[in-house]
Amino acid sequence: MEVLPINPIAIPVAAIAALLIGSVWYNPKIGFGNLWMRESGMTEEKMKGGKMGIIFGLSLVFAALLAVLLMQFTNHQWGALGMVGGDPATAKPSFDAFMNDYGMAYRTFKHGAFHGTLFGLFGALPIIGTIALFERKSAKYIFVNAGYWIVTLAVMGGILCAWH
C-alpha cells in the first residue's frame, strides 16, 4: 500500500491554482477588482509601484505553504500516518491493514473542496475579518477577500484530495 497520501505535484498545482483564481477574482473587468480597489484604498498608481516579481513569487510560496497545511484537513490519511509517528516502517501490521482498507477513502475532488470550503469559512474568514475590523475596512472588503480565499481553498482542497 502506498503510504504517502498525496502526489507531491499536487502542492505546486494547488499553489498555482490560487494565483490563477486570483487573476480572475481580482480582475477589474471580469471579477471583483474594482470593488476591491475601492474598498482597500488601492489605486492604479500604487499598483504600478509594486515589485510584481516579488509579489507573485512570495504569493506562490505562501500558497504552497497553505497547501501543505490544507493537506492535513483534506486528506484523512495524514491522521493515520500521524498515529504511527510519521514513519510507516515502524508501524505495527495493523497500520498496513488499516491503510489497505481505508487508504483511499474519501479521496475525491468534492470531498477536498468541502474541507477546503470549511477551512476558508472557519480559518480565512475570521482572520481576514479581524484584521479588517481593526484596519477599519468595510464588510465589502471582508467579503471580497474572504470570498476569494473560500473559493480558492475549495479548489486547492479538491486538487490536494483528489490527486493521488
C-alpha atoms as a PDB file:
ATOM      1  CA  MET A   1       0.000   0.000   0.000  1.00  0.00           C
ATOM      2  CA  GLU A   2       1.277   3.456  -0.896  1.00  0.00           C
ATOM      3  CA  VAL A   3       1.501   5.304   2.421  1.00  0.00           C
ATOM      4  CA  LEU A   4       2.107   8.827   1.168  1.00  0.00           C
ATOM      5  CA  PRO A   5      -1.477  10.031   0.759  1.00  0.00           C
ATOM      6  CA  ILE A   6      -0.747  12.670  -1.868  1.00  0.00           C
ATOM      7  CA  ASN A   7       1.030  13.113  -5.140  1.00  0.00           C
ATOM      8  CA  PRO A   8       3.802  15.684  -4.450  1.00  0.00           C
ATOM      9  CA  ILE A   9       2.978  17.537  -7.674  1.00  0.00           C
ATOM     10  CA  ALA A  10      -0.427  18.419  -6.199  1.00  0.00           C
ATOM     11  CA  ILE A  11       1.119  21.029  -3.891  1.00  0.00           C
ATOM     12  CA  PRO A  12       2.577  23.267  -6.622  1.00  0.00           C
ATOM     13  CA  VAL A  13      -0.512  22.747  -8.786  1.00  0.00           C
ATOM     14  CA  ALA A  14      -2.749  23.842  -5.903  1.00  0.00           C
ATOM     15  CA  ALA A  15      -0.490  26.864  -5.303  1.00  0.00           C
ATOM     16  CA  ILE A  16      -0.635  27.862  -8.966  1.00  0.00           C
ATOM     17  CA  ALA A  17      -4.425  27.458  -8.856  1.00  0.00           C
ATOM     18  CA  ALA A  18      -4.515  30.102  -6.108  1.00  0.00           C
ATOM     19  CA  LEU A  19      -2.764  32.597  -8.398  1.00  0.00           C
ATOM     20  CA  LEU A  20      -4.963  31.737 -11.369  1.00  0.00           C
ATOM     21  CA  ILE A  21      -8.154  32.160  -9.340  1.00  0.00           C
ATOM     22  CA  GLY A  22      -6.817  35.460  -8.002  1.00  0.00           C
ATOM     23  CA  SER A  23      -6.133  36.704 -11.513  1.00  0.00           C
ATOM     24  CA  VAL A  24      -9.835  36.254 -12.295  1.00  0.00           C
ATOM     25  CA  TRP A  25     -11.288  37.172  -8.882  1.00  0.00           C
ATOM     26  CA  TYR A  26      -9.411  40.468  -8.576  1.00  0.00           C
ATOM     27  CA  ASN A  27      -9.589  41.342 -12.275  1.00  0.00           C
ATOM     28  CA  PRO A  28     -11.351  44.717 -12.756  1.00  0.00           C
ATOM     29  CA  LYS A  29     -13.024  43.591 -15.986  1.00  0.00           C
ATOM     30  CA  ILE A  30     -14.389  40.185 -15.017  1.00  0.00           C
ATOM     31  CA  GLY A  31     -14.070  39.905 -11.235  1.00  0.00           C
ATOM     32  CA  PHE A  32     -14.196  41.995  -8.097  1.00  0.00           C
ATOM     33  CA  GLY A  33     -11.118  44.097  -8.944  1.00  0.00           C
ATOM     34  CA  ASN A  34     -12.833  47.485  -8.985  1.00  0.00           C
ATOM     35  CA  LEU A  35     -14.692  46.799  -5.752  1.00  0.00           C
ATOM     36  CA  TRP A  36     -11.527  45.518  -4.086  1.00  0.00           C
ATOM     37  CA  MET A  37      -9.519  48.550  -5.216  1.00  0.00           C
ATOM     38  CA  ARG A  38     -12.169  50.944  -3.913  1.00  0.00           C
ATOM     39  CA  GLU A  39     -12.632  49.171  -0.577  1.00  0.00           C
ATOM     40  CA  SER A  40      -8.913  48.621   0.050  1.00  0.00           C
ATOM     41  CA  GLY A  41      -7.844  52.098  -0.976  1.00  0.00           C
ATOM     42  CA  MET A  42      -5.701  50.731  -3.793  1.00  0.00           C
ATOM     43  CA  THR A  43      -5.051  52.948  -6.797  1.00  0.00           C
ATOM     44  CA  GLU A  44      -3.645  52.289 -10.258  1.00  0.00           C
ATOM     45  CA  GLU A  45      -0.612  54.342  -9.240  1.00  0.00           C
ATOM     46  CA  LYS A  46       0.051  52.157  -6.188  1.00  0.00           C
ATOM     47  CA  MET A  47      -0.420  49.036  -8.298  1.00  0.00           C
ATOM     48  CA  LYS A  48       2.217  50.168 -10.794  1.00  0.00           C
ATOM     49  CA  GLY A  49       4.670  50.933  -7.979  1.00  0.00           C
ATOM     50  CA  GLY A  50       4.884  47.353  -6.703  1.00  0.00           C
ATOM     51  CA  LYS A  51       7.627  44.852  -7.443  1.00  0.00           C
ATOM     52  CA  MET A  52       5.424  42.319  -9.180  1.00  0.00           C
ATOM     53  CA  GLY A  53       8.050  39.571  -9.381  1.00  0.00           C
ATOM     54  CA  ILE A  54       8.478  39.617  -5.616  1.00  0.00           C
ATOM     55  CA  ILE A  55       4.733  39.919  -5.002  1.00  0.00           C
ATOM     56  CA  PHE A  56       3.835  36.979  -7.249  1.00  0.00           C
ATOM     57  CA  GLY A  57       6.829  34.911  -6.148  1.00  0.00           C
ATOM     58  CA  LEU A  58       6.023  35.267  -2.465  1.00  0.00           C
ATOM     59  CA  SER A  59       2.335  34.731  -3.161  1.00  0.00           C
ATOM     60  CA  LEU A  60       3.207  31.424  -4.803  1.00  0.00           C
ATOM     61  CA  VAL A  61       5.396  30.410  -1.840  1.00  0.00           C
ATOM     62  CA  PHE A  62       2.641  31.370   0.637  1.00  0.00           C
ATOM     63  CA  ALA A  63       0.054  29.442  -1.370  1.00  0.00           C
ATOM     64  CA  ALA A  64       2.328  26.380  -1.345  1.00  0.00           C
ATOM     65  CA  LEU A  65       2.715  26.654   2.432  1.00  0.00           C
ATOM     66  CA  LEU A  66      -1.038  26.908   2.732  1.00  0.00           C
ATOM     67  CA  ALA A  67      -1.430  23.823   0.526  1.00  0.00           C
ATOM     68  CA  VAL A  68       0.818  21.832   2.865  1.00  0.00           C
ATOM     69  CA  LEU A  69      -1.347  22.850   5.819  1.00  0.00           C
ATOM     70  CA  LEU A  70      -4.562  22.238   3.896  1.00  0.00           C
ATOM     71  CA  MET A  71      -3.487  18.651   3.180  1.00  0.00           C
ATOM     72  CA  GLN A  72      -3.889  17.912   6.872  1.00  0.00           C
ATOM     73  CA  PHE A  73      -7.552  18.901   6.658  1.00  0.00           C
ATOM     74  CA  THR A  74      -8.496  17.346   3.339  1.00  0.00           C
ATOM     75  CA  ASN A  75      -6.655  14.020   3.404  1.00  0.00           C
ATOM     76  CA  HIS A  76      -7.726  11.991   6.402  1.00  0.00           C
ATOM     77  CA  GLN A  77      -4.930   9.510   5.782  1.00  0.00           C
ATOM     78  CA  TRP A  78      -2.483  12.009   7.291  1.00  0.00           C
ATOM     79  CA  GLY A  79      -4.129  11.293  10.657  1.00  0.00           C
ATOM     80  CA  ALA A  80      -3.371   7.591  10.312  1.00  0.00           C
ATOM     81  CA  LEU A  81       0.216   8.395   9.401  1.00  0.00           C
ATOM     82  CA  GLY A  82       0.446  10.672  12.430  1.00  0.00           C
ATOM     83  CA  MET A  83      -0.777   7.879  14.705  1.00  0.00           C
ATOM     84  CA  VAL A  84       2.373   5.875  13.926  1.00  0.00           C
ATOM     85  CA  GLY A  85       4.691   8.824  14.365  1.00  0.00           C
ATOM     86  CA  GLY A  86       5.011   9.582  10.667  1.00  0.00           C
ATOM     87  CA  ASP A  87       7.249   6.620   9.861  1.00  0.00           C
ATOM     88  CA  PRO A  88       5.210   3.736   8.447  1.00  0.00           C
ATOM     89  CA  ALA A  89       8.273   1.469   8.588  1.00  0.00           C
ATOM     90  CA  THR A  90       7.957   1.365  12.390  1.00  0.00           C
ATOM     91  CA  ALA A  91       4.201   0.763  12.376  1.00  0.00           C
ATOM     92  CA  LYS A  92       2.511  -2.405  13.535  1.00  0.00           C
ATOM     93  CA  PRO A  93       0.937  -4.695  10.937  1.00  0.00           C
ATOM     94  CA  SER A  94      -2.465  -3.258  11.820  1.00  0.00           C
ATOM     95  CA  PHE A  95      -1.412   0.013  10.148  1.00  0.00           C
ATOM     96  CA  ASP A  96      -0.923  -1.742   6.807  1.00  0.00           C
ATOM     97  CA  ALA A  97      -4.270  -3.475   7.212  1.00  0.00           C
ATOM     98  CA  PHE A  98      -5.941  -0.172   8.015  1.00  0.00           C
ATOM     99  CA  MET A  99      -4.357   1.583   5.040  1.00  0.00           C
ATOM    100  CA  ASN A 100      -5.296  -1.289   2.738  1.00  0.00           C
ATOM    101  CA  ASP A 101      -8.917  -0.932   3.865  1.00  0.00           C
ATOM    102  CA  TYR A 102      -9.175   2.852   4.104  1.00  0.00           C
ATOM    103  CA  GLY A 103      -6.111   4.315   2.387  1.00  0.00           C
ATOM    104  CA  MET A 104      -8.090   5.787  -0.479  1.00  0.00           C
ATOM    105  CA  ALA A 105     -11.317   6.552   1.370  1.00  0.00           C
ATOM    106  CA  TYR A 106     -12.811   9.990   0.719  1.00  0.00           C
ATOM    107  CA  ARG A 107     -10.222  10.858  -1.925  1.00  0.00           C
ATOM    108  CA  THR A 108     -12.385  12.894  -4.281  1.00  0.00           C
ATOM    109  CA  PHE A 109     -12.326  16.455  -5.534  1.00  0.00           C
ATOM    110  CA  LYS A 110     -15.739  17.011  -3.964  1.00  0.00           C
ATOM    111  CA  HIS A 111     -14.592  15.864  -0.528  1.00  0.00           C
ATOM    112  CA  GLY A 112     -11.450  18.003  -0.674  1.00  0.00           C
ATOM    113  CA  ALA A 113     -13.446  21.016  -1.855  1.00  0.00           C
ATOM    114  CA  PHE A 114     -15.835  20.561   1.072  1.00  0.00           C
ATOM    115  CA  HIS A 115     -12.969  20.604   3.581  1.00  0.00           C
ATOM    116  CA  GLY A 116     -11.282  23.474   1.757  1.00  0.00           C
ATOM    117  CA  THR A 117     -14.507  25.483   1.979  1.00  0.00           C
ATOM    118  CA  LEU A 118     -14.723  24.781   5.708  1.00  0.00           C
ATOM    119  CA  PHE A 119     -11.088  25.817   6.083  1.00  0.00           C
ATOM    120  CA  GLY A 120     -11.924  29.079   4.301  1.00  0.00           C
ATOM    121  CA  LEU A 121     -15.046  29.752   6.375  1.00  0.00           C
ATOM    122  CA  PHE A 122     -13.532  28.873   9.748  1.00  0.00           C
ATOM    123  CA  GLY A 123      -9.914  29.856   9.055  1.00  0.00           C
ATOM    124  CA  ALA A 124      -9.566  32.578   6.442  1.00  0.00           C
ATOM    125  CA  LEU A 125     -12.802  34.491   7.134  1.00  0.00           C
ATOM    126  CA  PRO A 126     -12.143  35.060  10.856  1.00  0.00           C
ATOM    127  CA  ILE A 127      -8.519  36.077  10.233  1.00  0.00           C
ATOM    128  CA  ILE A 128      -9.352  38.466   7.392  1.00  0.00           C
ATOM    129  CA  GLY A 129     -12.392  39.771   9.249  1.00  0.00           C
ATOM    130  CA  THR A 130     -10.469  40.505  12.444  1.00  0.00           C
ATOM    131  CA  ILE A 131      -7.662  42.295  10.629  1.00  0.00           C
ATOM    132  CA  ALA A 132     -10.164  44.284   8.554  1.00  0.00           C
ATOM    133  CA  LEU A 133     -12.126  45.361  11.619  1.00  0.00           C
ATOM    134  CA  PHE A 134      -9.022  46.802  13.261  1.00  0.00           C
ATOM    135  CA  GLU A 135      -7.966  48.414   9.982  1.00  0.00           C
ATOM    136  CA  ARG A 136     -11.472  49.938   9.737  1.00  0.00           C
ATOM    137  CA  LYS A 137     -12.210  48.222   6.428  1.00  0.00           C
ATOM    138  CA  SER A 138     -15.748  47.652   5.171  1.00  0.00           C
ATOM    139  CA  ALA A 139     -17.822  44.495   5.113  1.00  0.00           C
ATOM    140  CA  LYS A 140     -17.446  44.543   1.317  1.00  0.00           C
ATOM    141  CA  TYR A 141     -13.683  44.404   1.735  1.00  0.00           C
ATOM    142  CA  ILE A 142     -14.020  41.457   4.114  1.00  0.00           C
ATOM    143  CA  PHE A 143     -16.348  39.541   1.817  1.00  0.00           C
ATOM    144  CA  VAL A 144     -14.330  40.156  -1.359  1.00  0.00           C
ATOM    145  CA  ASN A 145     -11.117  38.914   0.250  1.00  0.00           C
ATOM    146  CA  ALA A 146     -12.659  36.124   2.323  1.00  0.00           C
ATOM    147  CA  GLY A 147     -14.727  35.058  -0.683  1.00  0.00           C
ATOM    148  CA  TYR A 148     -11.551  34.722  -2.713  1.00  0.00           C
ATOM    149  CA  TRP A 149      -9.978  32.511  -0.060  1.00  0.00           C
ATOM    150  CA  ILE A 150     -13.075  30.390   0.443  1.00  0.00           C
ATOM    151  CA  VAL A 151     -13.294  29.663  -3.294  1.00  0.00           C
ATOM    152  CA  THR A 152      -9.533  29.232  -3.623  1.00  0.00           C
ATOM    153  CA  LEU A 153      -9.241  26.907  -0.642  1.00  0.00           C
ATOM    154  CA  ALA A 154     -12.135  24.849  -2.007  1.00  0.00           C
ATOM    155  CA  VAL A 155     -10.308  24.387  -5.315  1.00  0.00           C
ATOM    156  CA  MET A 156      -6.961  23.784  -3.606  1.00  0.00           C
ATOM    157  CA  GLY A 157      -8.570  21.244  -1.265  1.00  0.00           C
ATOM    158  CA  GLY A 158     -10.160  19.480  -4.202  1.00  0.00           C
ATOM    159  CA  ILE A 159      -6.840  19.251  -6.008  1.00  0.00           C
ATOM    160  CA  LEU A 160      -4.985  18.034  -2.931  1.00  0.00           C
ATOM    161  CA  CYS A 161      -7.565  15.417  -2.041  1.00  0.00           C
ATOM    162  CA  ALA A 162      -8.242  14.021  -5.499  1.00  0.00           C
ATOM    163  CA  TRP A 163      -4.741  13.958  -6.939  1.00  0.00           C
ATOM    164  CA  HIS A 164      -3.086  10.738  -5.818  1.00  0.00           C
END
